[in-house]
Amino acid sequence: MGLIRAAGLRRPVVLGASMSGEICLELALRHPDAFRGIVACEASDHIEGRKTPGPTTARSTRRSSCPNGSRG
């Protein structure tokens, strides 16, 4: 979040793949209203030994999932 603030970005879209996808999930969980969108590719919402619980509430998952058959 420090980098985003320092760059003066307002509600950016962030993208990450693999480990950086996991970071995107953490950002979505910890700061759900700070981003316009989050794209977490090849990320896992469950990692053994993870200190922070993965997104399980409707508030955190509604923005992080894409319905089947969507286009665009």
PDB file of N, CA and C in Angstrom:
ATOM      1  N   MET A   1       0.834  -1.193   0.000  1.00  0.00           N
ATOM      2  CA  MET A   1       0.000   0.000   0.000  1.00  0.00           C
ATOM      3  C   MET A   1       0.874   1.250   0.000  1.00  0.00           C
ATOM      4  N   GLY A   2       2.057   1.176   0.574  1.00  0.00           N
ATOM      5  CA  GLY A   2       2.946   2.336   0.595  1.00  0.00           C
ATOM      6  C   GLY A   2       3.349   2.779  -0.804  1.00  0.00           C
ATOM      7  N   LEU A   3       3.637   1.823  -1.674  1.00  0.00           N
ATOM      8  CA  LEU A   3       4.010   2.146  -3.047  1.00  0.00           C
ATOM      9  C   LEU A   3       2.843   2.794  -3.789  1.00  0.00           C
ATOM     10  N   ILE A   4       1.654   2.267  -3.586  1.00  0.00           N
ATOM     11  CA  ILE A   4       0.467   2.816  -4.239  1.00  0.00           C
ATOM     12  C   ILE A   4       0.219   4.249  -3.780  1.00  0.00           C
ATOM     13  N   ARG A   5       0.359   4.489  -2.473  1.00  0.00           N
ATOM     14  CA  ARG A   5       0.187   5.853  -1.949  1.00  0.00           C
ATOM     15  C   ARG A   5       1.279   6.778  -2.471  1.00  0.00           C
ATOM     16  N   ALA A   6       2.528   6.300  -2.464  1.00  0.00           N
ATOM     17  CA  ALA A   6       3.651   7.127  -2.907  1.00  0.00           C
ATOM     18  C   ALA A   6       3.522   7.502  -4.387  1.00  0.00           C
ATOM     19  N   ALA A   7       2.949   6.615  -5.182  1.00  0.00           N
ATOM     20  CA  ALA A   7       2.765   6.886  -6.609  1.00  0.00           C
ATOM     21  C   ALA A   7       1.535   7.753  -6.873  1.00  0.00           C
ATOM     22  N   GLY A   8       0.733   7.995  -5.839  1.00  0.00           N
ATOM     23  CA  GLY A   8      -0.459   8.824  -5.983  1.00  0.00           C
ATOM     24  C   GLY A   8      -1.584   8.134  -6.749  1.00  0.00           C
ATOM     25  N   LEU A   9      -1.594   6.804  -6.725  1.00  0.00           N
ATOM     26  CA  LEU A   9      -2.630   6.056  -7.439  1.00  0.00           C
ATOM     27  C   LEU A   9      -3.910   5.996  -6.620  1.00  0.00           C
ATOM     28  N   ARG A  10      -5.036   6.184  -7.295  1.00  0.00           N
ATOM     29  CA  ARG A  10      -6.346   6.101  -6.635  1.00  0.00           C
ATOM     30  C   ARG A  10      -7.090   4.909  -7.196  1.00  0.00           C
ATOM     31  N   ARG A  11      -7.376   3.957  -6.360  1.00  0.00           N
ATOM     32  CA  ARG A  11      -8.120   2.751  -6.720  1.00  0.00           C
ATOM     33  C   ARG A  11      -7.581   2.084  -7.986  1.00  0.00           C
ATOM     34  N   PRO A  12      -6.310   1.685  -7.995  1.00  0.00           N
ATOM     35  CA  PRO A  12      -5.743   1.051  -9.184  1.00  0.00           C
ATOM     36  C   PRO A  12      -6.256  -0.379  -9.364  1.00  0.00           C
ATOM     37  N   VAL A  13      -5.987  -0.934 -10.532  1.00  0.00           N
ATOM     38  CA  VAL A  13      -6.194  -2.357 -10.789  1.00  0.00           C
ATOM     39  C   VAL A  13      -4.825  -3.003 -10.634  1.00  0.00           C
ATOM     40  N   VAL A  14      -4.737  -4.035  -9.817  1.00  0.00           N
ATOM     41  CA  VAL A  14      -3.464  -4.731  -9.648  1.00  0.00           C
ATOM     42  C   VAL A  14      -3.569  -6.142 -10.214  1.00  0.00           C
ATOM     43  N   LEU A  15      -2.449  -6.633 -10.723  1.00  0.00           N
ATOM     44  CA  LEU A  15      -2.385  -7.940 -11.349  1.00  0.00           C
ATOM     45  C   LEU A  15      -1.187  -8.685 -10.805  1.00  0.00           C
ATOM     46  N   GLY A  16      -1.375  -9.962 -10.515  1.00  0.00           N
ATOM     47  CA  GLY A  16      -0.258 -10.788 -10.079  1.00  0.00           C
ATOM     48  C   GLY A  16      -0.471 -12.225 -10.493  1.00  0.00           C
ATOM     49  N   ALA A  17       0.630 -12.929 -10.711  1.00  0.00           N
ATOM     50  CA  ALA A  17       0.571 -14.344 -11.074  1.00  0.00           C
ATOM     51  C   ALA A  17       1.442 -15.137 -10.106  1.00  0.00           C
ATOM     52  N   SER A  18       0.962 -16.302  -9.730  1.00  0.00           N
ATOM     53  CA  SER A  18       1.650 -17.203  -8.819  1.00  0.00           C
ATOM     54  C   SER A  18       1.818 -16.516  -7.456  1.00  0.00           C
ATOM     55  N   MET A  19       3.039 -16.320  -6.992  1.00  0.00           N
ATOM     56  CA  MET A  19       3.242 -15.720  -5.669  1.00  0.00           C
ATOM     57  C   MET A  19       2.698 -14.291  -5.611  1.00  0.00           C
ATOM     58  N   SER A  20       2.881 -13.518  -6.678  1.00  0.00           N
ATOM     59  CA  SER A  20       2.326 -12.158  -6.662  1.00  0.00           C
ATOM     60  C   SER A  20       0.795 -12.200  -6.755  1.00  0.00           C
ATOM     61  N   GLY A  21       0.242 -13.288  -7.292  1.00  0.00           N
ATOM     62  CA  GLY A  21      -1.207 -13.485  -7.252  1.00  0.00           C
ATOM     63  C   GLY A  21      -1.683 -13.673  -5.824  1.00  0.00           C
ATOM     64  N   GLU A  22      -0.887 -14.377  -5.034  1.00  0.00           N
ATOM     65  CA  GLU A  22      -1.181 -14.544  -3.610  1.00  0.00           C
ATOM     66  C   GLU A  22      -1.158 -13.186  -2.905  1.00  0.00           C
ATOM     67  N   ILE A  23      -0.225 -12.340  -3.274  1.00  0.00           N
ATOM     68  CA  ILE A  23      -0.160 -10.988  -2.706  1.00  0.00           C
ATOM     69  C   ILE A  23      -1.414 -10.211  -3.086  1.00  0.00           C
ATOM     70  N   CYS A  24      -1.889 -10.386  -4.314  1.00  0.00           N
ATOM     71  CA  CYS A  24      -3.137  -9.734  -4.739  1.00  0.00           C
ATOM     72  C   CYS A  24      -4.312 -10.184  -3.875  1.00  0.00           C
ATOM     73  N   LEU A  25      -4.368 -11.484  -3.557  1.00  0.00           N
ATOM     74  CA  LEU A  25      -5.443 -11.977  -2.686  1.00  0.00           C
ATOM     75  C   LEU A  25      -5.354 -11.335  -1.307  1.00  0.00           C
ATOM     76  N   GLU A  26      -4.140 -11.180  -0.794  1.00  0.00           N
ATOM     77  CA  GLU A  26      -3.959 -10.513   0.507  1.00  0.00           C
ATOM     78  C   GLU A  26      -4.430  -9.062   0.433  1.00  0.00           C
ATOM     79  N   LEU A  27      -4.088  -8.376  -0.658  1.00  0.00           N
ATOM     80  CA  LEU A  27      -4.537  -6.990  -0.818  1.00  0.00           C
ATOM     81  C   LEU A  27      -6.053  -6.906  -0.844  1.00  0.00           C
ATOM     82  N   ALA A  28      -6.685  -7.834  -1.565  1.00  0.00           N
ATOM     83  CA  ALA A  28      -8.153  -7.850  -1.635  1.00  0.00           C
ATOM     84  C   ALA A  28      -8.763  -8.098  -0.263  1.00  0.00           C
ATOM     85  N   LEU A  29      -8.148  -8.973   0.502  1.00  0.00           N
ATOM     86  CA  LEU A  29      -8.655  -9.301   1.830  1.00  0.00           C
ATOM     87  C   LEU A  29      -8.469  -8.142   2.806  1.00  0.00           C
ATOM     88  N   ARG A  30      -7.297  -7.532   2.786  1.00  0.00           N
ATOM     89  CA  ARG A  30      -6.980  -6.497   3.773  1.00  0.00           C
ATOM     90  C   ARG A  30      -7.503  -5.107   3.394  1.00  0.00           C
ATOM     91  N   HIS A  31      -7.626  -4.830   2.096  1.00  0.00           N
ATOM     92  CA  HIS A  31      -8.022  -3.489   1.635  1.00  0.00           C
ATOM     93  C   HIS A  31      -9.047  -3.597   0.504  1.00  0.00           C
ATOM     94  N   PRO A  32     -10.208  -4.152   0.752  1.00  0.00           N
ATOM     95  CA  PRO A  32     -11.164  -4.425  -0.334  1.00  0.00           C
ATOM     96  C   PRO A  32     -11.665  -3.186  -1.075  1.00  0.00           C
ATOM     97  N   ASP A  33     -11.677  -2.041  -0.444  1.00  0.00           N
ATOM     98  CA  ASP A  33     -12.201  -0.840  -1.095  1.00  0.00           C
ATOM     99  C   ASP A  33     -11.110   0.034  -1.718  1.00  0.00           C
ATOM    100  N   ALA A  34      -9.849  -0.394  -1.619  1.00  0.00           N
ATOM    101  CA  ALA A  34      -8.744   0.423  -2.109  1.00  0.00           C
ATOM    102  C   ALA A  34      -8.457   0.227  -3.597  1.00  0.00           C
ATOM    103  N   PHE A  35      -9.096  -0.777  -4.216  1.00  0.00           N
ATOM    104  CA  PHE A  35      -8.774  -1.117  -5.594  1.00  0.00           C
ATOM    105  C   PHE A  35     -10.006  -1.134  -6.478  1.00  0.00           C
ATOM    106  N   ARG A  36      -9.813  -0.739  -7.722  1.00  0.00           N
ATOM    107  CA  ARG A  36     -10.875  -0.827  -8.722  1.00  0.00           C
ATOM    108  C   ARG A  36     -11.054  -2.282  -9.132  1.00  0.00           C
ATOM    109  N   GLY A  37      -9.961  -3.012  -9.186  1.00  0.00           N
ATOM    110  CA  GLY A  37     -10.011  -4.429  -9.532  1.00  0.00           C
ATOM    111  C   GLY A  37      -8.723  -5.128  -9.137  1.00  0.00           C
ATOM    112  N   ILE A  38      -8.825  -6.435  -8.927  1.00  0.00           N
ATOM    113  CA  ILE A  38      -7.668  -7.251  -8.602  1.00  0.00           C
ATOM    114  C   ILE A  38      -7.724  -8.496  -9.467  1.00  0.00           C
ATOM    115  N   VAL A  39      -6.618  -8.794 -10.142  1.00  0.00           N
ATOM    116  CA  VAL A  39      -6.511  -9.985 -10.967  1.00  0.00           C
ATOM    117  C   VAL A  39      -5.426 -10.858 -10.343  1.00  0.00           C
ATOM    118  N   ALA A  40      -5.845 -12.000  -9.805  1.00  0.00           N
ATOM    119  CA  ALA A  40      -4.916 -12.914  -9.142  1.00  0.00           C
ATOM    120  C   ALA A  40      -4.875 -14.215  -9.942  1.00  0.00           C
ATOM    121  N   CYS A  41      -3.869 -14.366 -10.784  1.00  0.00           N
ATOM    122  CA  CYS A  41      -3.730 -15.544 -11.644  1.00  0.00           C
ATOM    123  C   CYS A  41      -2.881 -16.610 -10.941  1.00  0.00           C
ATOM    124  N   GLU A  42      -3.302 -17.837 -11.074  1.00  0.00           N
ATOM    125  CA  GLU A  42      -2.550 -18.975 -10.538  1.00  0.00           C
ATOM    126  C   GLU A  42      -2.215 -18.803  -9.060  1.00  0.00           C
ATOM    127  N   ALA A  43      -3.148 -18.210  -8.317  1.00  0.00           N
ATOM    128  CA  ALA A  43      -2.952 -17.984  -6.891  1.00  0.00           C
ATOM    129  C   ALA A  43      -3.830 -18.944  -6.105  1.00  0.00           C
ATOM    130  N   SER A  44      -3.386 -19.287  -4.934  1.00  0.00           N
ATOM    131  CA  SER A  44      -4.146 -20.190  -4.084  1.00  0.00           C
ATOM    132  C   SER A  44      -4.739 -19.419  -2.920  1.00  0.00           C
ATOM    133  N   ASP A  45      -5.992 -19.724  -2.599  1.00  0.00           N
ATOM    134  CA  ASP A  45      -6.586 -19.059  -1.432  1.00  0.00           C
ATOM    135  C   ASP A  45      -6.315 -19.840  -0.158  1.00  0.00           C
ATOM    136  N   HIS A  46      -5.635 -20.985  -0.266  1.00  0.00           N
ATOM    137  CA  HIS A  46      -5.264 -21.748   0.926  1.00  0.00           C
ATOM    138  C   HIS A  46      -3.825 -22.223   0.803  1.00  0.00           C
ATOM    139  N   ILE A  47      -3.010 -21.799   1.734  1.00  0.00           N
ATOM    140  CA  ILE A  47      -1.617 -22.243   1.784  1.00  0.00           C
ATOM    141  C   ILE A  47      -1.359 -22.737   3.200  1.00  0.00           C
ATOM    142  N   GLU A  48      -0.861 -23.954   3.309  1.00  0.00           N
ATOM    143  CA  GLU A  48      -0.571 -24.547   4.615  1.00  0.00           C
ATOM    144  C   GLU A  48       0.358 -23.632   5.401  1.00  0.00           C
ATOM    145  N   GLY A  49      -0.004 -23.325   6.645  1.00  0.00           N
ATOM    146  CA  GLY A  49       0.812 -22.479   7.508  1.00  0.00           C
ATOM    147  C   GLY A  49       0.593 -20.989   7.306  1.00  0.00           C
ATOM    148  N   ARG A  50      -0.356 -20.618   6.472  1.00  0.00           N
ATOM    149  CA  ARG A  50      -0.622 -19.204   6.220  1.00  0.00           C
ATOM    150  C   ARG A  50      -1.072 -18.532   7.505  1.00  0.00           C
ATOM    151  N   LYS A  51      -0.545 -17.372   7.780  1.00  0.00           N
ATOM    152  CA  LYS A  51      -0.876 -16.664   9.008  1.00  0.00           C
ATOM    153  C   LYS A  51      -2.189 -15.894   8.915  1.00  0.00           C
ATOM    154  N   THR A  52      -2.580 -15.495   7.719  1.00  0.00           N
ATOM    155  CA  THR A  52      -3.812 -14.747   7.531  1.00  0.00           C
ATOM    156  C   THR A  52      -4.837 -15.654   6.873  1.00  0.00           C
ATOM    157  N   PRO A  53      -6.060 -15.718   7.380  1.00  0.00           N
ATOM    158  CA  PRO A  53      -7.058 -16.570   6.726  1.00  0.00           C
ATOM    159  C   PRO A  53      -7.372 -16.071   5.324  1.00  0.00           C
ATOM    160  N   GLY A  54      -7.665 -16.982   4.428  1.00  0.00           N
ATOM    161  CA  GLY A  54      -8.017 -16.625   3.058  1.00  0.00           C
ATOM    162  C   GLY A  54      -9.391 -15.983   3.000  1.00  0.00           C
ATOM    163  N   PRO A  55      -9.735 -15.380   1.868  1.00  0.00           N
ATOM    164  CA  PRO A  55     -11.043 -14.729   1.746  1.00  0.00           C
ATOM    165  C   PRO A  55     -12.170 -15.751   1.786  1.00  0.00           C
ATOM    166  N   THR A  56     -13.067 -15.597   2.748  1.00  0.00           N
ATOM    167  CA  THR A  56     -14.181 -16.537   2.875  1.00  0.00           C
ATOM    168  C   THR A  56     -15.520 -15.826   2.990  1.00  0.00           C
ATOM    169  N   THR A  57     -15.504 -14.530   3.222  1.00  0.00           N
ATOM    170  CA  THR A  57     -16.761 -13.814   3.390  1.00  0.00           C
ATOM    171  C   THR A  57     -17.299 -13.343   2.043  1.00  0.00           C
ATOM    172  N   ALA A  58     -18.576 -13.111   1.970  1.00  0.00           N
ATOM    173  CA  ALA A  58     -19.182 -12.635   0.728  1.00  0.00           C
ATOM    174  C   ALA A  58     -18.565 -11.309   0.302  1.00  0.00           C
ATOM    175  N   ARG A  59     -18.236 -10.469   1.252  1.00  0.00           N
ATOM    176  CA  ARG A  59     -17.651  -9.163   0.931  1.00  0.00           C
ATOM    177  C   ARG A  59     -16.320  -9.312   0.218  1.00  0.00           C
ATOM    178  N   SER A  60     -15.474 -10.234   0.658  1.00  0.00           N
ATOM    179  CA  SER A  60     -14.158 -10.358   0.043  1.00  0.00           C
ATOM    180  C   SER A  60     -14.170 -11.209  -1.214  1.00  0.00           C
ATOM    181  N   THR A  61     -15.109 -12.134  -1.351  1.00  0.00           N
ATOM    182  CA  THR A  61     -15.096 -13.002  -2.528  1.00  0.00           C
ATOM    183  C   THR A  61     -15.945 -12.485  -3.666  1.00  0.00           C
ATOM    184  N   ARG A  62     -16.880 -11.613  -3.415  1.00  0.00           N
ATOM    185  CA  ARG A  62     -17.759 -11.165  -4.498  1.00  0.00           C
ATOM    186  C   ARG A  62     -16.990 -10.401  -5.566  1.00  0.00           C
ATOM    187  N   ARG A  63     -15.921  -9.748  -5.187  1.00  0.00           N
ATOM    188  CA  ARG A  63     -15.135  -8.982  -6.133  1.00  0.00           C
ATOM    189  C   ARG A  63     -14.002  -9.806  -6.739  1.00  0.00           C
ATOM    190  N   SER A  64     -13.729 -10.967  -6.179  1.00  0.00           N
ATOM    191  CA  SER A  64     -12.571 -11.730  -6.635  1.00  0.00           C
ATOM    192  C   SER A  64     -12.935 -12.932  -7.469  1.00  0.00           C
ATOM    193  N   SER A  65     -14.195 -13.098  -7.805  1.00  0.00           N
ATOM    194  CA  SER A  65     -14.581 -14.241  -8.628  1.00  0.00           C
ATOM    195  C   SER A  65     -15.270 -13.775  -9.894  1.00  0.00           C
ATOM    196  N   CYS A  66     -15.215 -14.610 -10.887  1.00  0.00           N
ATOM    197  CA  CYS A  66     -15.814 -14.296 -12.175  1.00  0.00           C
ATOM    198  C   CYS A  66     -16.773 -15.418 -12.517  1.00  0.00           C
ATOM    199  N   PRO A  67     -18.029 -15.122 -12.802  1.00  0.00           N
ATOM    200  CA  PRO A  67     -18.984 -16.193 -13.087  1.00  0.00           C
ATOM    201  C   PRO A  67     -18.605 -16.958 -14.350  1.00  0.00           C
ATOM    202  N   ASN A  68     -18.935 -18.239 -14.384  1.00  0.00           N
ATOM    203  CA  ASN A  68     -18.675 -19.052 -15.569  1.00  0.00           C
ATOM    204  C   ASN A  68     -19.418 -18.491 -16.763  1.00  0.00           C
ATOM    205  N   GLY A  69     -18.777 -18.531 -17.905  1.00  0.00           N
ATOM    206  CA  GLY A  69     -19.413 -18.074 -19.121  1.00  0.00           C
ATOM    207  C   GLY A  69     -19.342 -16.576 -19.361  1.00  0.00           C
ATOM    208  N   SER A  70     -18.658 -15.844 -18.492  1.00  0.00           N
ATOM    209  CA  SER A  70     -18.575 -14.403 -18.697  1.00  0.00           C
ATOM    210  C   SER A  70     -17.611 -14.103 -19.846  1.00  0.00           C
ATOM    211  N   ARG A  71     -17.830 -13.003 -20.484  1.00  0.00           N
ATOM    212  CA  ARG A  71     -17.000 -12.606 -21.620  1.00  0.00           C
ATOM    213  C   ARG A  71     -16.549 -11.167 -21.450  1.00  0.00           C
ATOM    214  N   GLY A  72     -15.468 -10.847 -22.124  1.00  0.00           N
ATOM    215  CA  GLY A  72     -15.027  -9.457 -22.124  1.00  0.00           C
ATOM    216  C   GLY A  72     -13.756  -9.282 -21.441  1.00  0.00           C
TER     217      GLY A  72
END
